[in-house]
Amino acid sequence: MSDKPLDFEAEYNNRAAVPDHLAVMARWKAAAEAARAVHPPIPLPYGSGPREVMDLFEARPDAPVAVFLHGGYWQALDRSWFSGIAPALLAHGVGLAIPSYDLCPDVRLGRIIGQAREAVELIRARTGRRPVVFGHSAGGHLAACLLSEGRVSAAVAISGVFELAPLIPTTINTALRLDAREAAALSPIHWPVPNGSTPGGTVLDCVVGGDETGEFLRQSRDMAAGWGARGVETRFEALAGLNHFTVLDPLMDPDSALVRRIVDLARG
């Protein structure tokens, strides 16, 4: 076994790890524009800031609504990149809300968690039920935070980051400005787990691309094992042949197992 220290920069710099990530992101944008042309969303403010708006794709007035929280290491992207996810859920009669949120370094990470809370609470008030939430990368972190707090019916975290301390020595932290204390406080792997006495759901799926870095595989495996040992219904799955960007491909396919899982959780 090698004693060489782990290169956290290489492990967490997904754009460097996936040389064709720009081509994949261009596919996201094209799919988003096509979806918005066919299914124009309702812009739904959940706060007063310019980024405190979500796109709501309604299936029907009484349909369940899932909430997708986007990635970008809490410092990039917005809701407009991910509209391409909507058609697969709409095909099953499930609506979709995609919030934007403020980005680091303009705000601290704790504020972004607060904005995710506010967005989900608005959907809950609108539908009368706790939504299922799913998120990618930074959005997987936010999804787990919301499940811990009992705000959602279930969470599907795709390539999530649940332990933030490894980000501290990387260039990713330039915008996040995390120190050891804040990183520990905002890591959902350390948060209370939802349980039978907690309002909300107790199901957490940790899904990751099988071709992602070892640290991303470890993060999802450790989160599922850790919360599972504390009584949460967890599931870990590594999707063969997918990296940190192509792991979203199944969300564009109404027949994929991942979409079917989210639909089943949304229907409760």
C-alpha atoms as a PDB file:
ATOM      1  CA  MET A   1       0.000   0.000   0.000  1.00  0.00           C
ATOM      2  CA  SER A   2       1.337   3.435  -0.928  1.00  0.00           C
ATOM      3  CA  ASP A   3       1.982   6.003   1.799  1.00  0.00           C
ATOM      4  CA  LYS A   4       1.827   8.844  -0.719  1.00  0.00           C
ATOM      5  CA  PRO A   5      -0.551  11.584   0.512  1.00  0.00           C
ATOM      6  CA  LEU A   6      -3.813  11.867  -1.386  1.00  0.00           C
ATOM      7  CA  ASP A   7      -3.823  14.663  -3.975  1.00  0.00           C
ATOM      8  CA  PHE A   8      -7.086  16.373  -3.026  1.00  0.00           C
ATOM      9  CA  GLU A   9      -6.759  18.869  -5.863  1.00  0.00           C
ATOM     10  CA  ALA A  10      -6.741  16.060  -8.421  1.00  0.00           C
ATOM     11  CA  GLU A  11      -9.490  14.157  -6.601  1.00  0.00           C
ATOM     12  CA  TYR A  12     -11.929  17.072  -6.428  1.00  0.00           C
ATOM     13  CA  ASN A  13     -11.121  19.086  -9.570  1.00  0.00           C
ATOM     14  CA  ASN A  14     -13.707  17.418 -11.769  1.00  0.00           C
ATOM     15  CA  ARG A  15     -13.207  19.663 -14.762  1.00  0.00           C
ATOM     16  CA  ALA A  16      -9.544  18.706 -14.888  1.00  0.00           C
ATOM     17  CA  ALA A  17     -10.427  15.037 -14.388  1.00  0.00           C
ATOM     18  CA  VAL A  18     -12.883  15.029 -17.320  1.00  0.00           C
ATOM     19  CA  PRO A  19     -11.193  16.671 -20.330  1.00  0.00           C
ATOM     20  CA  ASP A  20     -14.364  16.699 -22.438  1.00  0.00           C
ATOM     21  CA  HIS A  21     -16.544  18.255 -19.727  1.00  0.00           C
ATOM     22  CA  LEU A  22     -17.250  21.299 -21.902  1.00  0.00           C
ATOM     23  CA  ALA A  23     -18.827  19.090 -24.577  1.00  0.00           C
ATOM     24  CA  VAL A  24     -21.003  17.401 -21.958  1.00  0.00           C
ATOM     25  CA  MET A  25     -22.059  20.761 -20.543  1.00  0.00           C
ATOM     26  CA  ALA A  26     -22.904  21.959 -24.046  1.00  0.00           C
ATOM     27  CA  ARG A  27     -25.267  18.976 -24.270  1.00  0.00           C
ATOM     28  CA  TRP A  28     -26.859  20.050 -20.987  1.00  0.00           C
ATOM     29  CA  LYS A  29     -27.448  23.529 -22.377  1.00  0.00           C
ATOM     30  CA  ALA A  30     -28.889  22.256 -25.673  1.00  0.00           C
ATOM     31  CA  ALA A  31     -31.222  19.857 -23.873  1.00  0.00           C
ATOM     32  CA  ALA A  32     -32.289  22.644 -21.522  1.00  0.00           C
ATOM     33  CA  GLU A  33     -33.157  25.000 -24.365  1.00  0.00           C
ATOM     34  CA  ALA A  34     -35.114  22.288 -26.184  1.00  0.00           C
ATOM     35  CA  ALA A  35     -37.057  21.426 -23.029  1.00  0.00           C
ATOM     36  CA  ARG A  36     -37.918  25.042 -22.298  1.00  0.00           C
ATOM     37  CA  ALA A  37     -39.229  25.479 -25.836  1.00  0.00           C
ATOM     38  CA  VAL A  38     -41.641  22.567 -25.423  1.00  0.00           C
ATOM     39  CA  HIS A  39     -42.416  23.003 -21.716  1.00  0.00           C
ATOM     40  CA  PRO A  40     -42.068  26.695 -20.804  1.00  0.00           C
ATOM     41  CA  PRO A  41     -41.506  26.836 -17.047  1.00  0.00           C
ATOM     42  CA  ILE A  42     -43.190  29.119 -14.554  1.00  0.00           C
ATOM     43  CA  PRO A  43     -40.590  31.404 -12.924  1.00  0.00           C
ATOM     44  CA  LEU A  44     -41.351  31.203  -9.211  1.00  0.00           C
ATOM     45  CA  PRO A  45     -39.531  33.584  -6.822  1.00  0.00           C
ATOM     46  CA  TYR A  46     -38.782  32.144  -3.395  1.00  0.00           C
ATOM     47  CA  GLY A  47     -36.956  35.248  -2.111  1.00  0.00           C
ATOM     48  CA  SER A  48     -36.215  38.842  -3.024  1.00  0.00           C
ATOM     49  CA  GLY A  49     -32.804  38.392  -4.632  1.00  0.00           C
ATOM     50  CA  PRO A  50     -32.297  38.137  -8.412  1.00  0.00           C
ATOM     51  CA  ARG A  51     -31.091  34.536  -8.157  1.00  0.00           C
ATOM     52  CA  GLU A  52     -33.777  33.516  -5.643  1.00  0.00           C
ATOM     53  CA  VAL A  53     -36.026  32.155  -8.368  1.00  0.00           C
ATOM     54  CA  MET A  54     -36.890  28.641  -9.427  1.00  0.00           C
ATOM     55  CA  ASP A  55     -38.220  27.274 -12.693  1.00  0.00           C
ATOM     56  CA  LEU A  56     -41.360  25.234 -12.085  1.00  0.00           C
ATOM     57  CA  PHE A  57     -42.335  22.652 -14.698  1.00  0.00           C
ATOM     58  CA  GLU A  58     -45.847  21.582 -13.787  1.00  0.00           C
ATOM     59  CA  ALA A  59     -47.176  18.181 -14.793  1.00  0.00           C
ATOM     60  CA  ARG A  60     -50.698  18.960 -13.566  1.00  0.00           C
ATOM     61  CA  PRO A  61     -52.026  21.038 -10.691  1.00  0.00           C
ATOM     62  CA  ASP A  62     -52.233  18.163  -8.205  1.00  0.00           C
ATOM     63  CA  ALA A  63     -49.099  16.300  -9.310  1.00  0.00           C
ATOM     64  CA  PRO A  64     -46.141  15.720  -7.002  1.00  0.00           C
ATOM     65  CA  VAL A  65     -43.189  18.036  -7.580  1.00  0.00           C
ATOM     66  CA  ALA A  66     -39.558  16.990  -7.232  1.00  0.00           C
ATOM     67  CA  VAL A  67     -36.871  19.600  -6.582  1.00  0.00           C
ATOM     68  CA  PHE A  68     -33.487  19.457  -8.345  1.00  0.00           C
ATOM     69  CA  LEU A  69     -30.522  21.284  -6.792  1.00  0.00           C
ATOM     70  CA  HIS A  70     -27.757  21.971  -9.281  1.00  0.00           C
ATOM     71  CA  GLY A  71     -24.026  21.595  -8.850  1.00  0.00           C
ATOM     72  CA  GLY A  72     -21.071  23.833  -9.630  1.00  0.00           C
ATOM     73  CA  TYR A  73     -19.280  23.684  -6.255  1.00  0.00           C
ATOM     74  CA  TRP A  74     -21.642  26.344  -4.880  1.00  0.00           C
ATOM     75  CA  GLN A  75     -19.867  28.876  -7.127  1.00  0.00           C
ATOM     76  CA  ALA A  76     -21.076  28.321 -10.687  1.00  0.00           C
ATOM     77  CA  LEU A  77     -24.114  27.653 -12.912  1.00  0.00           C
ATOM     78  CA  ASP A  78     -27.823  28.294 -12.416  1.00  0.00           C
ATOM     79  CA  ARG A  79     -31.213  26.746 -13.078  1.00  0.00           C
ATOM     80  CA  SER A  80     -31.150  27.463 -16.825  1.00  0.00           C
ATOM     81  CA  TRP A  81     -28.543  24.744 -17.433  1.00  0.00           C
ATOM     82  CA  PHE A  82     -30.714  21.887 -16.196  1.00  0.00           C
ATOM     83  CA  SER A  83     -34.171  22.232 -17.735  1.00  0.00           C
ATOM     84  CA  GLY A  84     -33.352  19.169 -19.851  1.00  0.00           C
ATOM     85  CA  ILE A  85     -34.122  17.027 -16.815  1.00  0.00           C
ATOM     86  CA  ALA A  86     -37.784  18.078 -16.836  1.00  0.00           C
ATOM     87  CA  PRO A  87     -39.204  16.070 -19.779  1.00  0.00           C
ATOM     88  CA  ALA A  88     -38.265  12.675 -18.291  1.00  0.00           C
ATOM     89  CA  LEU A  89     -40.132  13.426 -15.066  1.00  0.00           C
ATOM     90  CA  LEU A  90     -43.071  15.083 -16.808  1.00  0.00           C
ATOM     91  CA  ALA A  91     -43.500  11.922 -18.872  1.00  0.00           C
ATOM     92  CA  HIS A  92     -44.337  10.162 -15.597  1.00  0.00           C
ATOM     93  CA  GLY A  93     -46.672  12.886 -14.337  1.00  0.00           C
ATOM     94  CA  VAL A  94     -44.165  14.357 -11.878  1.00  0.00           C
ATOM     95  CA  GLY A  95     -43.419  18.079 -11.896  1.00  0.00           C
ATOM     96  CA  LEU A  96     -39.981  19.583 -11.386  1.00  0.00           C
ATOM     97  CA  ALA A  97     -38.700  22.708  -9.654  1.00  0.00           C
ATOM     98  CA  ILE A  98     -35.124  23.885 -10.274  1.00  0.00           C
ATOM     99  CA  PRO A  99     -33.966  26.749  -8.060  1.00  0.00           C
ATOM    100  CA  SER A 100     -31.036  29.030  -8.677  1.00  0.00           C
ATOM    101  CA  TYR A 101     -29.213  30.282  -5.603  1.00  0.00           C
ATOM    102  CA  ASP A 102     -26.543  32.828  -4.794  1.00  0.00           C
ATOM    103  CA  LEU A 103     -22.948  31.783  -5.329  1.00  0.00           C
ATOM    104  CA  CYS A 104     -19.725  31.885  -3.392  1.00  0.00           C
ATOM    105  CA  PRO A 105     -17.766  34.081  -2.814  1.00  0.00           C
ATOM    106  CA  ASP A 106     -20.658  36.572  -2.915  1.00  0.00           C
ATOM    107  CA  VAL A 107     -22.303  34.662  -0.045  1.00  0.00           C
ATOM    108  CA  ARG A 108     -21.145  32.059   2.444  1.00  0.00           C
ATOM    109  CA  LEU A 109     -22.072  28.418   2.003  1.00  0.00           C
ATOM    110  CA  GLY A 110     -24.385  28.568   4.999  1.00  0.00           C
ATOM    111  CA  ARG A 111     -26.513  31.126   3.183  1.00  0.00           C
ATOM    112  CA  ILE A 112     -26.856  28.793   0.180  1.00  0.00           C
ATOM    113  CA  ILE A 113     -28.115  26.045   2.473  1.00  0.00           C
ATOM    114  CA  GLY A 114     -30.644  28.558   3.769  1.00  0.00           C
ATOM    115  CA  GLN A 115     -31.791  29.382   0.246  1.00  0.00           C
ATOM    116  CA  ALA A 116     -32.285  25.682  -0.513  1.00  0.00           C
ATOM    117  CA  ARG A 117     -34.481  25.506   2.591  1.00  0.00           C
ATOM    118  CA  GLU A 118     -36.548  28.466   1.431  1.00  0.00           C
ATOM    119  CA  ALA A 119     -37.037  27.050  -2.070  1.00  0.00           C
ATOM    120  CA  VAL A 120     -38.151  23.658  -0.745  1.00  0.00           C
ATOM    121  CA  GLU A 121     -40.480  25.237   1.807  1.00  0.00           C
ATOM    122  CA  LEU A 122     -42.195  27.195  -0.968  1.00  0.00           C
ATOM    123  CA  ILE A 123     -42.819  24.003  -2.942  1.00  0.00           C
ATOM    124  CA  ARG A 124     -44.091  22.333   0.210  1.00  0.00           C
ATOM    125  CA  ALA A 125     -46.498  25.216   0.849  1.00  0.00           C
ATOM    126  CA  ARG A 126     -47.639  25.191  -2.767  1.00  0.00           C
ATOM    127  CA  THR A 127     -48.277  21.437  -2.983  1.00  0.00           C
ATOM    128  CA  GLY A 128     -49.170  20.632   0.618  1.00  0.00           C
ATOM    129  CA  ARG A 129     -46.530  17.896   0.828  1.00  0.00           C
ATOM    130  CA  ARG A 130     -42.821  17.562   1.438  1.00  0.00           C
ATOM    131  CA  PRO A 131     -41.129  17.117  -1.943  1.00  0.00           C
ATOM    132  CA  VAL A 132     -38.494  14.600  -2.867  1.00  0.00           C
ATOM    133  CA  VAL A 133     -35.244  16.435  -3.548  1.00  0.00           C
ATOM    134  CA  PHE A 134     -32.396  15.312  -5.760  1.00  0.00           C
ATOM    135  CA  GLY A 135     -29.179  17.111  -6.491  1.00  0.00           C
ATOM    136  CA  HIS A 136     -25.863  16.807  -8.263  1.00  0.00           C
ATOM    137  CA  SER A 137     -22.451  17.421  -6.678  1.00  0.00           C
ATOM    138  CA  ALA A 138     -22.918  20.565  -4.547  1.00  0.00           C
ATOM    139  CA  GLY A 139     -26.635  19.921  -4.979  1.00  0.00           C
ATOM    140  CA  GLY A 140     -26.175  16.446  -3.502  1.00  0.00           C
ATOM    141  CA  HIS A 141     -24.701  18.084  -0.408  1.00  0.00           C
ATOM    142  CA  LEU A 142     -27.703  20.424  -0.178  1.00  0.00           C
ATOM    143  CA  ALA A 143     -30.147  17.532  -0.644  1.00  0.00           C
ATOM    144  CA  ALA A 144     -28.634  15.657   2.293  1.00  0.00           C
ATOM    145  CA  CYS A 145     -28.788  18.792   4.462  1.00  0.00           C
ATOM    146  CA  LEU A 146     -32.504  19.174   3.746  1.00  0.00           C
ATOM    147  CA  LEU A 147     -33.202  15.516   4.529  1.00  0.00           C
ATOM    148  CA  SER A 148     -31.377  15.832   7.844  1.00  0.00           C
ATOM    149  CA  GLU A 149     -33.648  18.737   8.757  1.00  0.00           C
ATOM    150  CA  GLY A 150     -36.841  16.824   7.934  1.00  0.00           C
ATOM    151  CA  ARG A 151     -37.820  19.198   5.147  1.00  0.00           C
ATOM    152  CA  VAL A 152     -38.166  16.639   2.347  1.00  0.00           C
ATOM    153  CA  SER A 153     -39.771  13.241   1.829  1.00  0.00           C
ATOM    154  CA  ALA A 154     -36.588  11.622   0.485  1.00  0.00           C
ATOM    155  CA  ALA A 155     -33.266  12.638  -1.040  1.00  0.00           C
ATOM    156  CA  VAL A 156     -31.269  11.348  -3.982  1.00  0.00           C
ATOM    157  CA  ALA A 157     -27.724  12.710  -3.851  1.00  0.00           C
ATOM    158  CA  ILE A 158     -25.848  12.273  -7.120  1.00  0.00           C
ATOM    159  CA  SER A 159     -22.055  12.615  -6.802  1.00  0.00           C
ATOM    160  CA  GLY A 160     -22.515  14.471  -3.554  1.00  0.00           C
ATOM    161  CA  VAL A 161     -19.903  16.050  -1.299  1.00  0.00           C
ATOM    162  CA  PHE A 162     -20.906  15.238   2.274  1.00  0.00           C
ATOM    163  CA  GLU A 163     -17.602  15.881   4.039  1.00  0.00           C
ATOM    164  CA  LEU A 164     -16.136  19.290   3.215  1.00  0.00           C
ATOM    165  CA  ALA A 165     -12.755  19.164   4.983  1.00  0.00           C
ATOM    166  CA  PRO A 166     -10.940  17.647   1.964  1.00  0.00           C
ATOM    167  CA  LEU A 167     -11.835  20.757  -0.064  1.00  0.00           C
ATOM    168  CA  ILE A 168      -9.909  23.102   2.232  1.00  0.00           C
ATOM    169  CA  PRO A 169      -6.456  22.632   0.636  1.00  0.00           C
ATOM    170  CA  THR A 170      -7.802  22.831  -2.949  1.00  0.00           C
ATOM    171  CA  THR A 171      -8.347  25.714  -5.350  1.00  0.00           C
ATOM    172  CA  ILE A 172     -12.082  25.059  -4.982  1.00  0.00           C
ATOM    173  CA  ASN A 173     -11.833  26.647  -1.536  1.00  0.00           C
ATOM    174  CA  THR A 174     -10.643  29.983  -2.935  1.00  0.00           C
ATOM    175  CA  ALA A 175     -14.279  31.011  -3.349  1.00  0.00           C
ATOM    176  CA  LEU A 176     -15.713  28.938  -0.491  1.00  0.00           C
ATOM    177  CA  ARG A 177     -13.261  30.259   2.137  1.00  0.00           C
ATOM    178  CA  LEU A 178     -13.903  27.309   4.428  1.00  0.00           C
ATOM    179  CA  ASP A 179     -11.837  26.753   7.540  1.00  0.00           C
ATOM    180  CA  ALA A 180     -11.809  23.510   9.504  1.00  0.00           C
ATOM    181  CA  ARG A 181     -14.554  24.595  11.889  1.00  0.00           C
ATOM    182  CA  GLU A 182     -16.977  25.779   9.191  1.00  0.00           C
ATOM    183  CA  ALA A 183     -16.248  22.760   6.989  1.00  0.00           C
ATOM    184  CA  ALA A 184     -17.126  20.402   9.839  1.00  0.00           C
ATOM    185  CA  ALA A 185     -20.251  22.358  10.775  1.00  0.00           C
ATOM    186  CA  LEU A 186     -21.589  22.329   7.204  1.00  0.00           C
ATOM    187  CA  SER A 187     -20.799  18.674   6.406  1.00  0.00           C
ATOM    188  CA  PRO A 188     -24.045  16.671   6.477  1.00  0.00           C
ATOM    189  CA  ILE A 189     -22.172  13.447   7.203  1.00  0.00           C
ATOM    190  CA  HIS A 190     -21.868  14.869  10.744  1.00  0.00           C
ATOM    191  CA  TRP A 191     -25.468  16.156  10.986  1.00  0.00           C
ATOM    192  CA  PRO A 192     -28.298  14.456  12.877  1.00  0.00           C
ATOM    193  CA  VAL A 193     -29.972  11.748  10.848  1.00  0.00           C
ATOM    194  CA  PRO A 194     -33.692  11.744  10.115  1.00  0.00           C
ATOM    195  CA  ASN A 195     -35.530   9.016  11.984  1.00  0.00           C
ATOM    196  CA  GLY A 196     -39.009   7.788  12.690  1.00  0.00           C
ATOM    197  CA  SER A 197     -39.647  10.555  15.212  1.00  0.00           C
ATOM    198  CA  THR A 198     -38.524  13.268  12.784  1.00  0.00           C
ATOM    199  CA  PRO A 199     -41.104  14.784  10.434  1.00  0.00           C
ATOM    200  CA  GLY A 200     -40.194  14.123   6.815  1.00  0.00           C
ATOM    201  CA  GLY A 201     -38.484  11.261   5.055  1.00  0.00           C
ATOM    202  CA  THR A 202     -35.785   8.803   6.081  1.00  0.00           C
ATOM    203  CA  VAL A 203     -34.587   7.618   2.655  1.00  0.00           C
ATOM    204  CA  LEU A 204     -31.232   8.675   1.191  1.00  0.00           C
ATOM    205  CA  ASP A 205     -29.855   7.337  -2.082  1.00  0.00           C
ATOM    206  CA  CYS A 206     -26.172   8.059  -2.740  1.00  0.00           C
ATOM    207  CA  VAL A 207     -25.501   7.621  -6.457  1.00  0.00           C
ATOM    208  CA  VAL A 208     -22.154   8.281  -8.127  1.00  0.00           C
ATOM    209  CA  GLY A 209     -20.524   7.644 -11.480  1.00  0.00           C
ATOM    210  CA  GLY A 210     -18.426   4.512 -11.543  1.00  0.00           C
ATOM    211  CA  ASP A 211     -15.690   6.392 -13.418  1.00  0.00           C
ATOM    212  CA  GLU A 212     -15.462   9.245 -10.903  1.00  0.00           C
ATOM    213  CA  THR A 213     -12.409   9.838  -8.738  1.00  0.00           C
ATOM    214  CA  GLY A 214     -11.767   7.679  -5.729  1.00  0.00           C
ATOM    215  CA  GLU A 215     -12.745  10.469  -3.357  1.00  0.00           C
ATOM    216  CA  PHE A 216     -16.176  10.933  -4.929  1.00  0.00           C
ATOM    217  CA  LEU A 217     -16.785   7.197  -4.727  1.00  0.00           C
ATOM    218  CA  ARG A 218     -15.616   7.213  -1.096  1.00  0.00           C
ATOM    219  CA  GLN A 219     -17.789  10.193  -0.165  1.00  0.00           C
ATOM    220  CA  SER A 220     -20.987   8.521  -1.390  1.00  0.00           C
ATOM    221  CA  ARG A 221     -20.037   5.127   0.031  1.00  0.00           C
ATOM    222  CA  ASP A 222     -19.159   6.602   3.432  1.00  0.00           C
ATOM    223  CA  MET A 223     -22.307   8.720   3.567  1.00  0.00           C
ATOM    224  CA  ALA A 224     -24.560   5.759   2.789  1.00  0.00           C
ATOM    225  CA  ALA A 225     -22.740   3.532   5.275  1.00  0.00           C
ATOM    226  CA  GLY A 226     -22.578   6.148   8.018  1.00  0.00           C
ATOM    227  CA  TRP A 227     -26.186   7.254   7.890  1.00  0.00           C
ATOM    228  CA  GLY A 228     -27.308   3.687   7.261  1.00  0.00           C
ATOM    229  CA  ALA A 229     -25.620   2.557  10.468  1.00  0.00           C
ATOM    230  CA  ARG A 230     -27.561   5.278  12.291  1.00  0.00           C
ATOM    231  CA  GLY A 231     -30.945   4.051  11.098  1.00  0.00           C
ATOM    232  CA  VAL A 232     -31.541   5.790   7.767  1.00  0.00           C
ATOM    233  CA  GLU A 233     -32.705   3.759   4.771  1.00  0.00           C
ATOM    234  CA  THR A 234     -29.709   4.338   2.533  1.00  0.00           C
ATOM    235  CA  ARG A 235     -28.595   2.986  -0.799  1.00  0.00           C
ATOM    236  CA  PHE A 236     -25.208   3.323  -2.528  1.00  0.00           C
ATOM    237  CA  GLU A 237     -24.876   2.813  -6.258  1.00  0.00           C
ATOM    238  CA  ALA A 238     -21.984   3.444  -8.639  1.00  0.00           C
ATOM    239  CA  LEU A 239     -23.262   3.783 -12.217  1.00  0.00           C
ATOM    240  CA  ALA A 240     -20.836   1.978 -14.508  1.00  0.00           C
ATOM    241  CA  GLY A 241     -19.094   3.953 -17.221  1.00  0.00           C
ATOM    242  CA  LEU A 242     -20.250   7.403 -16.060  1.00  0.00           C
ATOM    243  CA  ASN A 243     -18.093  10.280 -14.852  1.00  0.00           C
ATOM    244  CA  HIS A 244     -18.911  13.368 -12.798  1.00  0.00           C
ATOM    245  CA  PHE A 245     -20.626  15.027 -15.779  1.00  0.00           C
ATOM    246  CA  THR A 246     -22.160  12.133 -17.713  1.00  0.00           C
ATOM    247  CA  VAL A 247     -23.690  10.863 -14.453  1.00  0.00           C
ATOM    248  CA  LEU A 248     -26.560  13.232 -15.260  1.00  0.00           C
ATOM    249  CA  ASP A 249     -27.319  11.450 -18.556  1.00  0.00           C
ATOM    250  CA  PRO A 250     -29.809   9.017 -16.964  1.00  0.00           C
ATOM    251  CA  LEU A 251     -31.890  11.981 -15.779  1.00  0.00           C
ATOM    252  CA  MET A 252     -32.655  12.786 -19.420  1.00  0.00           C
ATOM    253  CA  ASP A 253     -34.056   9.298 -20.070  1.00  0.00           C
ATOM    254  CA  PRO A 254     -37.622   8.633 -18.875  1.00  0.00           C
ATOM    255  CA  ASP A 255     -36.936   4.884 -18.919  1.00  0.00           C
ATOM    256  CA  SER A 256     -33.767   4.991 -16.816  1.00  0.00           C
ATOM    257  CA  ALA A 257     -33.686   3.327 -13.414  1.00  0.00           C
ATOM    258  CA  LEU A 258     -32.644   6.619 -11.827  1.00  0.00           C
ATOM    259  CA  VAL A 259     -35.673   8.486 -13.178  1.00  0.00           C
ATOM    260  CA  ARG A 260     -37.971   5.649 -12.168  1.00  0.00           C
ATOM    261  CA  ARG A 261     -36.517   5.752  -8.648  1.00  0.00           C
ATOM    262  CA  ILE A 262     -37.109   9.511  -8.326  1.00  0.00           C
ATOM    263  CA  VAL A 263     -40.644   9.113  -9.690  1.00  0.00           C
ATOM    264  CA  ASP A 264     -41.410   6.348  -7.203  1.00  0.00           C
ATOM    265  CA  LEU A 265     -40.082   8.443  -4.310  1.00  0.00           C
ATOM    266  CA  ALA A 266     -42.027  11.501  -5.499  1.00  0.00           C
ATOM    267  CA  ARG A 267     -45.256   9.518  -5.596  1.00  0.00           C
ATOM    268  CA  GLY A 268     -44.566   8.421  -2.043  1.00  0.00           C
END
